[in-house]
Each structure stands twice: as structure tokens, then as C-alpha cells.
Amino acid sequence: MTGKQYTLLGPDGQEVLSAVPGTLGGNRRRKIYGRLDCRSAVGSLPTGYAKHRVFFADEVTAIAAGYRPCATCMQVEYATWVAEAMRSGRL
């Protein structure tokens, strides 16, 4: 008998099955990831956010898949991302 399987995004942005649930959630359209309890994500569920919801095993995987940190729930990571993006000319 197999246990529950969770669908996560891998570093290549493709879906992978995992026996362990994701630790971070994201929005496929906006390419943003953050904590599962983020008020920005939870507050927008009635507006259709749920259909764009994706999950990641960890932050390294989310970044590798091309997602950026949420400015609401991951402020330190977001500030670091902005500084790196500005330094590299992406912003």
C-alpha cells in the first residue's frame, strides 16, 4: 500500500510527486512563493488564486523554478532578491 502523494513543482518547473507535502506555496501566474499561511495568499483564495496554487519542497527549489519570494511573508528574502536583481540589472 502506498501513502499519500503530493504534487510539487521541481527545480525545472515540472510537477513531481512527493511523499512529503511542500513547505512553501506559490502562485503559478505571478511566479511568487511564500509561506503556506501567508495572509496575501490566504486572503486571495476566493478570487481564484487556488487554481494557480503550486507547492515547493523548499526555497532552493522555488528559486530554481524561477519564482521570487513573497514581499509580505518573506520580507528578508524578498529584500535580498530585490538587491540581487538590481545589482544584476534584472530590475
PDB file of N, CA and C in Angstrom:
ATOM      1  N   MET A   1       0.845  -1.178   0.000  1.00  0.00           N
ATOM      2  CA  MET A   1       0.000   0.000   0.000  1.00  0.00           C
ATOM      3  C   MET A   1       0.893   1.244   0.000  1.00  0.00           C
ATOM      4  N   THR A   2       0.586   2.192  -0.848  1.00  0.00           N
ATOM      5  CA  THR A   2       1.363   3.428  -0.922  1.00  0.00           C
ATOM      6  C   THR A   2       0.679   4.509  -0.099  1.00  0.00           C
ATOM      7  N   GLY A   3       1.489   5.438   0.414  1.00  0.00           N
ATOM      8  CA  GLY A   3       0.961   6.542   1.199  1.00  0.00           C
ATOM      9  C   GLY A   3       0.451   7.655   0.300  1.00  0.00           C
ATOM     10  N   LYS A   4       0.024   8.714   0.923  1.00  0.00           N
ATOM     11  CA  LYS A   4      -0.474   9.880   0.183  1.00  0.00           C
ATOM     12  C   LYS A   4       0.645  10.475  -0.657  1.00  0.00           C
ATOM     13  N   GLN A   5       0.312  10.909  -1.843  1.00  0.00           N
ATOM     14  CA  GLN A   5       1.260  11.562  -2.739  1.00  0.00           C
ATOM     15  C   GLN A   5       0.860  13.019  -2.906  1.00  0.00           C
ATOM     16  N   TYR A   6       1.847  13.899  -2.856  1.00  0.00           N
ATOM     17  CA  TYR A   6       1.624  15.330  -3.023  1.00  0.00           C
ATOM     18  C   TYR A   6       2.257  15.765  -4.338  1.00  0.00           C
ATOM     19  N   THR A   7       1.610  16.672  -5.027  1.00  0.00           N
ATOM     20  CA  THR A   7       2.153  17.203  -6.271  1.00  0.00           C
ATOM     21  C   THR A   7       2.886  18.497  -5.963  1.00  0.00           C
ATOM     22  N   LEU A   8       4.179  18.510  -6.219  1.00  0.00           N
ATOM     23  CA  LEU A   8       5.029  19.677  -6.001  1.00  0.00           C
ATOM     24  C   LEU A   8       5.634  20.090  -7.332  1.00  0.00           C
ATOM     25  N   LEU A   9       6.200  21.292  -7.389  1.00  0.00           N
ATOM     26  CA  LEU A   9       6.979  21.698  -8.552  1.00  0.00           C
ATOM     27  C   LEU A   9       8.436  21.429  -8.248  1.00  0.00           C
ATOM     28  N   GLY A  10       9.134  20.885  -9.214  1.00  0.00           N
ATOM     29  CA  GLY A  10      10.561  20.653  -9.081  1.00  0.00           C
ATOM     30  C   GLY A  10      11.349  21.859  -9.558  1.00  0.00           C
ATOM     31  N   PRO A  11      12.679  21.807  -9.471  1.00  0.00           N
ATOM     32  CA  PRO A  11      13.517  22.936  -9.876  1.00  0.00           C
ATOM     33  C   PRO A  11      13.386  23.300 -11.351  1.00  0.00           C
ATOM     34  N   ASP A  12      12.922  22.349 -12.161  1.00  0.00           N
ATOM     35  CA  ASP A  12      12.733  22.622 -13.585  1.00  0.00           C
ATOM     36  C   ASP A  12      11.338  23.152 -13.898  1.00  0.00           C
ATOM     37  N   GLY A  13      10.528  23.377 -12.835  1.00  0.00           N
ATOM     38  CA  GLY A  13       9.176  23.894 -13.018  1.00  0.00           C
ATOM     39  C   GLY A  13       8.158  22.836 -13.389  1.00  0.00           C
ATOM     40  N   GLN A  14       8.576  21.582 -13.455  1.00  0.00           N
ATOM     41  CA  GLN A  14       7.676  20.486 -13.787  1.00  0.00           C
ATOM     42  C   GLN A  14       7.123  19.849 -12.518  1.00  0.00           C
ATOM     43  N   GLU A  15       5.926  19.321 -12.598  1.00  0.00           N
ATOM     44  CA  GLU A  15       5.314  18.678 -11.444  1.00  0.00           C
ATOM     45  C   GLU A  15       6.008  17.373 -11.115  1.00  0.00           C
ATOM     46  N   VAL A  16       6.181  17.125  -9.821  1.00  0.00           N
ATOM     47  CA  VAL A  16       6.753  15.878  -9.326  1.00  0.00           C
ATOM     48  C   VAL A  16       5.887  15.388  -8.174  1.00  0.00           C
ATOM     49  N   LEU A  17       5.805  14.076  -8.012  1.00  0.00           N
ATOM     50  CA  LEU A  17       5.072  13.508  -6.890  1.00  0.00           C
ATOM     51  C   LEU A  17       6.022  13.331  -5.725  1.00  0.00           C
ATOM     52  N   SER A  18       5.534  13.608  -4.526  1.00  0.00           N
ATOM     53  CA  SER A  18       6.346  13.517  -3.326  1.00  0.00           C
ATOM     54  C   SER A  18       5.532  12.872  -2.213  1.00  0.00           C
ATOM     55  N   ALA A  19       6.195  12.078  -1.382  1.00  0.00           N
ATOM     56  CA  ALA A  19       5.539  11.507  -0.214  1.00  0.00           C
ATOM     57  C   ALA A  19       5.440  12.540   0.903  1.00  0.00           C
ATOM     58  N   VAL A  20       6.181  13.641   0.772  1.00  0.00           N
ATOM     59  CA  VAL A  20       6.221  14.703   1.774  1.00  0.00           C
ATOM     60  C   VAL A  20       5.537  15.948   1.205  1.00  0.00           C
ATOM     61  N   PRO A  21       4.643  16.582   1.978  1.00  0.00           N
ATOM     62  CA  PRO A  21       3.990  17.790   1.463  1.00  0.00           C
ATOM     63  C   PRO A  21       4.978  18.943   1.327  1.00  0.00           C
ATOM     64  N   GLY A  22       4.648  19.893   0.503  1.00  0.00           N
ATOM     65  CA  GLY A  22       5.502  21.050   0.309  1.00  0.00           C
ATOM     66  C   GLY A  22       5.556  21.930   1.546  1.00  0.00           C
ATOM     67  N   THR A  23       6.664  22.645   1.710  1.00  0.00           N
ATOM     68  CA  THR A  23       6.814  23.555   2.844  1.00  0.00           C
ATOM     69  C   THR A  23       6.500  24.988   2.446  1.00  0.00           C
ATOM     70  N   LEU A  24       6.433  25.253   1.142  1.00  0.00           N
ATOM     71  CA  LEU A  24       6.147  26.592   0.628  1.00  0.00           C
ATOM     72  C   LEU A  24       5.086  26.499  -0.454  1.00  0.00           C
ATOM     73  N   GLY A  25       4.282  27.546  -0.568  1.00  0.00           N
ATOM     74  CA  GLY A  25       3.279  27.619  -1.621  1.00  0.00           C
ATOM     75  C   GLY A  25       3.640  28.725  -2.584  1.00  0.00           C
ATOM     76  N   GLY A  26       3.060  28.678  -3.759  1.00  0.00           N
ATOM     77  CA  GLY A  26       3.343  29.704  -4.744  1.00  0.00           C
ATOM     78  C   GLY A  26       2.164  29.940  -5.664  1.00  0.00           C
ATOM     79  N   ASN A  27       2.305  30.952  -6.492  1.00  0.00           N
ATOM     80  CA  ASN A  27       1.302  31.290  -7.482  1.00  0.00           C
ATOM     81  C   ASN A  27       1.943  31.126  -8.857  1.00  0.00           C
ATOM     82  N   ARG A  28       1.414  30.186  -9.630  1.00  0.00           N
ATOM     83  CA  ARG A  28       1.988  29.854 -10.936  1.00  0.00           C
ATOM     84  C   ARG A  28       1.984  31.053 -11.894  1.00  0.00           C
ATOM     85  N   ARG A  29       0.940  31.865 -11.878  1.00  0.00           N
ATOM     86  CA  ARG A  29       0.867  33.019 -12.792  1.00  0.00           C
ATOM     87  C   ARG A  29       1.833  34.126 -12.395  1.00  0.00           C
ATOM     88  N   ARG A  30       1.901  34.412 -11.124  1.00  0.00           N
ATOM     89  CA  ARG A  30       2.740  35.523 -10.662  1.00  0.00           C
ATOM     90  C   ARG A  30       4.187  35.140 -10.392  1.00  0.00           C
ATOM     91  N   LYS A  31       4.460  33.833 -10.349  1.00  0.00           N
ATOM     92  CA  LYS A  31       5.817  33.328 -10.103  1.00  0.00           C
ATOM     93  C   LYS A  31       6.351  33.829  -8.758  1.00  0.00           C
ATOM     94  N   ILE A  32       5.502  33.756  -7.725  1.00  0.00           N
ATOM     95  CA  ILE A  32       5.852  34.163  -6.366  1.00  0.00           C
ATOM     96  C   ILE A  32       5.689  32.952  -5.457  1.00  0.00           C
ATOM     97  N   TYR A  33       6.592  32.798  -4.487  1.00  0.00           N
ATOM     98  CA  TYR A  33       6.442  31.743  -3.493  1.00  0.00           C
ATOM     99  C   TYR A  33       6.499  32.347  -2.096  1.00  0.00           C
ATOM    100  N   GLY A  34       5.895  31.649  -1.128  1.00  0.00           N
ATOM    101  CA  GLY A  34       5.910  32.117   0.251  1.00  0.00           C
ATOM    102  C   GLY A  34       5.435  31.040   1.209  1.00  0.00           C
ATOM    103  N   ARG A  35       5.257  31.455   2.454  1.00  0.00           N
ATOM    104  CA  ARG A  35       4.806  30.523   3.488  1.00  0.00           C
ATOM    105  C   ARG A  35       3.375  30.075   3.201  1.00  0.00           C
ATOM    106  N   LEU A  36       3.044  28.894   3.664  1.00  0.00           N
ATOM    107  CA  LEU A  36       1.702  28.359   3.425  1.00  0.00           C
ATOM    108  C   LEU A  36       0.617  29.154   4.145  1.00  0.00           C
ATOM    109  N   ASP A  37       0.975  29.858   5.213  1.00  0.00           N
ATOM    110  CA  ASP A  37      -0.004  30.637   5.963  1.00  0.00           C
ATOM    111  C   ASP A  37       0.036  32.130   5.619  1.00  0.00           C
ATOM    112  N   CYS A  38       0.647  32.494   4.519  1.00  0.00           N
ATOM    113  CA  CYS A  38       0.780  33.902   4.136  1.00  0.00           C
ATOM    114  C   CYS A  38      -0.598  34.552   3.989  1.00  0.00           C
ATOM    115  N   ARG A  39      -0.766  35.710   4.626  1.00  0.00           N
ATOM    116  CA  ARG A  39      -2.060  36.396   4.553  1.00  0.00           C
ATOM    117  C   ARG A  39      -2.376  36.874   3.139  1.00  0.00           C
ATOM    118  N   SER A  40      -1.376  37.151   2.335  1.00  0.00           N
ATOM    119  CA  SER A  40      -1.631  37.573   0.947  1.00  0.00           C
ATOM    120  C   SER A  40      -2.249  36.440   0.142  1.00  0.00           C
ATOM    121  N   ALA A  41      -1.746  35.235   0.322  1.00  0.00           N
ATOM    122  CA  ALA A  41      -2.275  34.088  -0.414  1.00  0.00           C
ATOM    123  C   ALA A  41      -3.623  33.651   0.141  1.00  0.00           C
ATOM    124  N   VAL A  42      -3.715  33.522   1.459  1.00  0.00           N
ATOM    125  CA  VAL A  42      -4.952  33.067   2.086  1.00  0.00           C
ATOM    126  C   VAL A  42      -6.086  34.049   1.817  1.00  0.00           C
ATOM    127  N   GLY A  43      -5.804  35.332   1.855  1.00  0.00           N
ATOM    128  CA  GLY A  43      -6.828  36.348   1.627  1.00  0.00           C
ATOM    129  C   GLY A  43      -7.341  36.398   0.204  1.00  0.00           C
ATOM    130  N   SER A  44      -6.570  35.864  -0.745  1.00  0.00           N
ATOM    131  CA  SER A  44      -6.987  35.934  -2.145  1.00  0.00           C
ATOM    132  C   SER A  44      -7.599  34.635  -2.653  1.00  0.00           C
ATOM    133  N   LEU A  45      -7.779  33.636  -1.789  1.00  0.00           N
ATOM    134  CA  LEU A  45      -8.345  32.363  -2.232  1.00  0.00           C
ATOM    135  C   LEU A  45      -9.701  32.491  -2.918  1.00  0.00           C
ATOM    136  N   PRO A  46     -10.646  33.294  -2.421  1.00  0.00           N
ATOM    137  CA  PRO A  46     -11.946  33.377  -3.096  1.00  0.00           C
ATOM    138  C   PRO A  46     -11.876  33.983  -4.501  1.00  0.00           C
ATOM    139  N   THR A  47     -10.790  34.651  -4.850  1.00  0.00           N
ATOM    140  CA  THR A  47     -10.708  35.308  -6.153  1.00  0.00           C
ATOM    141  C   THR A  47     -10.085  34.428  -7.229  1.00  0.00           C
ATOM    142  N   GLY A  48      -9.943  33.142  -6.965  1.00  0.00           N
ATOM    143  CA  GLY A  48      -9.413  32.249  -7.982  1.00  0.00           C
ATOM    144  C   GLY A  48      -7.955  31.896  -7.808  1.00  0.00           C
ATOM    145  N   TYR A  49      -7.339  32.337  -6.730  1.00  0.00           N
ATOM    146  CA  TYR A  49      -5.927  32.031  -6.503  1.00  0.00           C
ATOM    147  C   TYR A  49      -5.675  30.527  -6.430  1.00  0.00           C
ATOM    148  N   ALA A  50      -6.619  29.791  -5.866  1.00  0.00           N
ATOM    149  CA  ALA A  50      -6.426  28.355  -5.643  1.00  0.00           C
ATOM    150  C   ALA A  50      -6.089  27.596  -6.931  1.00  0.00           C
ATOM    151  N   LYS A  51      -6.650  27.990  -8.052  1.00  0.00           N
ATOM    152  CA  LYS A  51      -6.366  27.254  -9.288  1.00  0.00           C
ATOM    153  C   LYS A  51      -4.946  27.491  -9.804  1.00  0.00           C
ATOM    154  N   HIS A  52      -4.272  28.528  -9.299  1.00  0.00           N
ATOM    155  CA  HIS A  52      -2.900  28.818  -9.702  1.00  0.00           C
ATOM    156  C   HIS A  52      -1.887  28.423  -8.635  1.00  0.00           C
ATOM    157  N   ARG A  53      -2.358  27.803  -7.561  1.00  0.00           N
ATOM    158  CA  ARG A  53      -1.526  27.451  -6.417  1.00  0.00           C
ATOM    159  C   ARG A  53      -0.609  26.282  -6.771  1.00  0.00           C
ATOM    160  N   VAL A  54       0.654  26.411  -6.391  1.00  0.00           N
ATOM    161  CA  VAL A  54       1.640  25.347  -6.546  1.00  0.00           C
ATOM    162  C   VAL A  54       2.382  25.205  -5.216  1.00  0.00           C
ATOM    163  N   PHE A  55       3.097  24.110  -5.060  1.00  0.00           N
ATOM    164  CA  PHE A  55       3.806  23.845  -3.815  1.00  0.00           C
ATOM    165  C   PHE A  55       5.244  23.441  -4.103  1.00  0.00           C
ATOM    166  N   PHE A  56       6.126  23.809  -3.177  1.00  0.00           N
ATOM    167  CA  PHE A  56       7.549  23.510  -3.310  1.00  0.00           C
ATOM    168  C   PHE A  56       8.054  22.795  -2.070  1.00  0.00           C
ATOM    169  N   ALA A  57       9.032  21.933  -2.267  1.00  0.00           N
ATOM    170  CA  ALA A  57       9.649  21.229  -1.147  1.00  0.00           C
ATOM    171  C   ALA A  57      10.445  22.191  -0.280  1.00  0.00           C
ATOM    172  N   ASP A  58      11.086  23.178  -0.914  1.00  0.00           N
ATOM    173  CA  ASP A  58      11.935  24.113  -0.172  1.00  0.00           C
ATOM    174  C   ASP A  58      12.191  25.367  -1.009  1.00  0.00           C
ATOM    175  N   GLU A  59      12.873  26.324  -0.395  1.00  0.00           N
ATOM    176  CA  GLU A  59      13.133  27.607  -1.051  1.00  0.00           C
ATOM    177  C   GLU A  59      14.085  27.470  -2.238  1.00  0.00           C
ATOM    178  N   VAL A  60      15.081  26.630  -2.111  1.00  0.00           N
ATOM    179  CA  VAL A  60      16.044  26.429  -3.203  1.00  0.00           C
ATOM    180  C   VAL A  60      15.324  25.965  -4.464  1.00  0.00           C
ATOM    181  N   THR A  61      14.388  25.052  -4.298  1.00  0.00           N
ATOM    182  CA  THR A  61      13.630  24.537  -5.444  1.00  0.00           C
ATOM    183  C   THR A  61      12.757  25.621  -6.061  1.00  0.00           C
ATOM    184  N   ALA A  62      12.109  26.433  -5.222  1.00  0.00           N
ATOM    185  CA  ALA A  62      11.256  27.515  -5.730  1.00  0.00           C
ATOM    186  C   ALA A  62      12.070  28.514  -6.554  1.00  0.00           C
ATOM    187  N   ILE A  63      13.231  28.885  -6.046  1.00  0.00           N
ATOM    188  CA  ILE A  63      14.093  29.833  -6.766  1.00  0.00           C
ATOM    189  C   ILE A  63      14.581  29.228  -8.078  1.00  0.00           C
ATOM    190  N   ALA A  64      14.995  27.960  -8.035  1.00  0.00           N
ATOM    191  CA  ALA A  64      15.474  27.284  -9.247  1.00  0.00           C
ATOM    192  C   ALA A  64      14.381  27.204 -10.308  1.00  0.00           C
ATOM    193  N   ALA A  65      13.119  27.115  -9.877  1.00  0.00           N
ATOM    194  CA  ALA A  65      11.994  27.045 -10.815  1.00  0.00           C
ATOM    195  C   ALA A  65      11.614  28.423 -11.355  1.00  0.00           C
ATOM    196  N   GLY A  66      12.304  29.476 -10.901  1.00  0.00           N
ATOM    197  CA  GLY A  66      12.064  30.811 -11.431  1.00  0.00           C
ATOM    198  C   GLY A  66      11.087  31.655 -10.641  1.00  0.00           C
ATOM    199  N   TYR A  67      10.807  31.268  -9.400  1.00  0.00           N
ATOM    200  CA  TYR A  67       9.879  32.022  -8.559  1.00  0.00           C
ATOM    201  C   TYR A  67      10.660  32.968  -7.651  1.00  0.00           C
ATOM    202  N   ARG A  68       9.998  34.065  -7.246  1.00  0.00           N
ATOM    203  CA  ARG A  68      10.622  35.035  -6.345  1.00  0.00           C
ATOM    204  C   ARG A  68       9.910  34.986  -4.996  1.00  0.00           C
ATOM    205  N   PRO A  69      10.586  35.440  -3.933  1.00  0.00           N
ATOM    206  CA  PRO A  69       9.960  35.429  -2.607  1.00  0.00           C
ATOM    207  C   PRO A  69       8.810  36.436  -2.503  1.00  0.00           C
ATOM    208  N   CYS A  70       7.849  36.114  -1.663  1.00  0.00           N
ATOM    209  CA  CYS A  70       6.714  36.995  -1.386  1.00  0.00           C
ATOM    210  C   CYS A  70       7.191  38.176  -0.542  1.00  0.00           C
ATOM    211  N   ALA A  71       6.775  39.362  -0.900  1.00  0.00           N
ATOM    212  CA  ALA A  71       7.162  40.570  -0.164  1.00  0.00           C
ATOM    213  C   ALA A  71       6.417  40.690   1.163  1.00  0.00           C
ATOM    214  N   THR A  72       5.327  39.946   1.331  1.00  0.00           N
ATOM    215  CA  THR A  72       4.536  40.033   2.556  1.00  0.00           C
ATOM    216  C   THR A  72       5.060  39.098   3.643  1.00  0.00           C
ATOM    217  N   CYS A  73       5.211  37.833   3.336  1.00  0.00           N
ATOM    218  CA  CYS A  73       5.558  36.853   4.371  1.00  0.00           C
ATOM    219  C   CYS A  73       7.048  36.503   4.408  1.00  0.00           C
ATOM    220  N   MET A  74       7.802  36.919   3.412  1.00  0.00           N
ATOM    221  CA  MET A  74       9.233  36.594   3.364  1.00  0.00           C
ATOM    222  C   MET A  74      10.020  37.875   3.088  1.00  0.00           C
ATOM    223  N   GLN A  75       9.844  38.856   3.961  1.00  0.00           N
ATOM    224  CA  GLN A  75      10.391  40.190   3.727  1.00  0.00           C
ATOM    225  C   GLN A  75      11.909  40.209   3.601  1.00  0.00           C
ATOM    226  N   VAL A  76      12.613  39.464   4.440  1.00  0.00           N
ATOM    227  CA  VAL A  76      14.081  39.449   4.365  1.00  0.00           C
ATOM    228  C   VAL A  76      14.537  38.825   3.050  1.00  0.00           C
ATOM    229  N   GLU A  77      13.941  37.684   2.698  1.00  0.00           N
ATOM    230  CA  GLU A  77      14.297  37.018   1.441  1.00  0.00           C
ATOM    231  C   GLU A  77      13.966  37.899   0.244  1.00  0.00           C
ATOM    232  N   TYR A  78      12.816  38.604   0.320  1.00  0.00           N
ATOM    233  CA  TYR A  78      12.412  39.487  -0.768  1.00  0.00           C
ATOM    234  C   TYR A  78      13.407  40.649  -0.924  1.00  0.00           C
ATOM    235  N   ALA A  79      13.813  41.242   0.183  1.00  0.00           N
ATOM    236  CA  ALA A  79      14.777  42.346   0.128  1.00  0.00           C
ATOM    237  C   ALA A  79      16.093  41.882  -0.489  1.00  0.00           C
ATOM    238  N   THR A  80      16.520  40.688  -0.133  1.00  0.00           N
ATOM    239  CA  THR A  80      17.741  40.121  -0.712  1.00  0.00           C
ATOM    240  C   THR A  80      17.563  39.898  -2.207  1.00  0.00           C
ATOM    241  N   TRP A  81      16.407  39.373  -2.593  1.00  0.00           N
ATOM    242  CA  TRP A  81      16.112  39.124  -4.013  1.00  0.00           C
ATOM    243  C   TRP A  81      16.140  40.430  -4.802  1.00  0.00           C
ATOM    244  N   VAL A  82      15.516  41.485  -4.251  1.00  0.00           N
ATOM    245  CA  VAL A  82      15.484  42.786  -4.926  1.00  0.00           C
ATOM    246  C   VAL A  82      16.904  43.331  -5.095  1.00  0.00           C
ATOM    247  N   ALA A  83      17.700  43.262  -4.030  1.00  0.00           N
ATOM    248  CA  ALA A  83      19.080  43.765  -4.098  1.00  0.00           C
ATOM    249  C   ALA A  83      19.884  43.022  -5.169  1.00  0.00           C
ATOM    250  N   GLU A  84      19.731  41.698  -5.221  1.00  0.00           N
ATOM    251  CA  GLU A  84      20.442  40.909  -6.233  1.00  0.00           C
ATOM    252  C   GLU A  84      19.943  41.219  -7.636  1.00  0.00           C
ATOM    253  N   ALA A  85      18.635  41.394  -7.776  1.00  0.00           N
ATOM    254  CA  ALA A  85      18.059  41.707  -9.085  1.00  0.00           C
ATOM    255  C   ALA A  85      18.522  43.075  -9.579  1.00  0.00           C
ATOM    256  N   MET A  86      18.596  44.023  -8.665  1.00  0.00           N
ATOM    257  CA  MET A  86      19.054  45.371  -9.055  1.00  0.00           C
ATOM    258  C   MET A  86      20.533  45.333  -9.432  1.00  0.00           C
ATOM    259  N   ARG A  87      21.312  44.595  -8.673  1.00  0.00           N
ATOM    260  CA  ARG A  87      22.750  44.500  -8.950  1.00  0.00           C
ATOM    261  C   ARG A  87      23.002  43.839 -10.293  1.00  0.00           C
ATOM    262  N   SER A  88      22.191  42.861 -10.636  1.00  0.00           N
ATOM    263  CA  SER A  88      22.398  42.163 -11.910  1.00  0.00           C
ATOM    264  C   SER A  88      21.678  42.830 -13.084  1.00  0.00           C
ATOM    265  N   GLY A  89      20.908  43.909 -12.808  1.00  0.00           N
ATOM    266  CA  GLY A  89      20.236  44.629 -13.870  1.00  0.00           C
ATOM    267  C   GLY A  89      18.905  44.031 -14.287  1.00  0.00           C
ATOM    268  N   ARG A  90      18.348  43.096 -13.501  1.00  0.00           N
ATOM    269  CA  ARG A  90      17.048  42.491 -13.833  1.00  0.00           C
ATOM    270  C   ARG A  90      15.888  43.383 -13.449  1.00  0.00           C
ATOM    271  N   LEU A  91      16.125  44.363 -12.581  1.00  0.00           N
ATOM    272  CA  LEU A  91      15.040  45.289 -12.203  1.00  0.00           C
ATOM    273  C   LEU A  91      15.328  46.670 -12.712  1.00  0.00           C
TER     274      LEU A  91
END
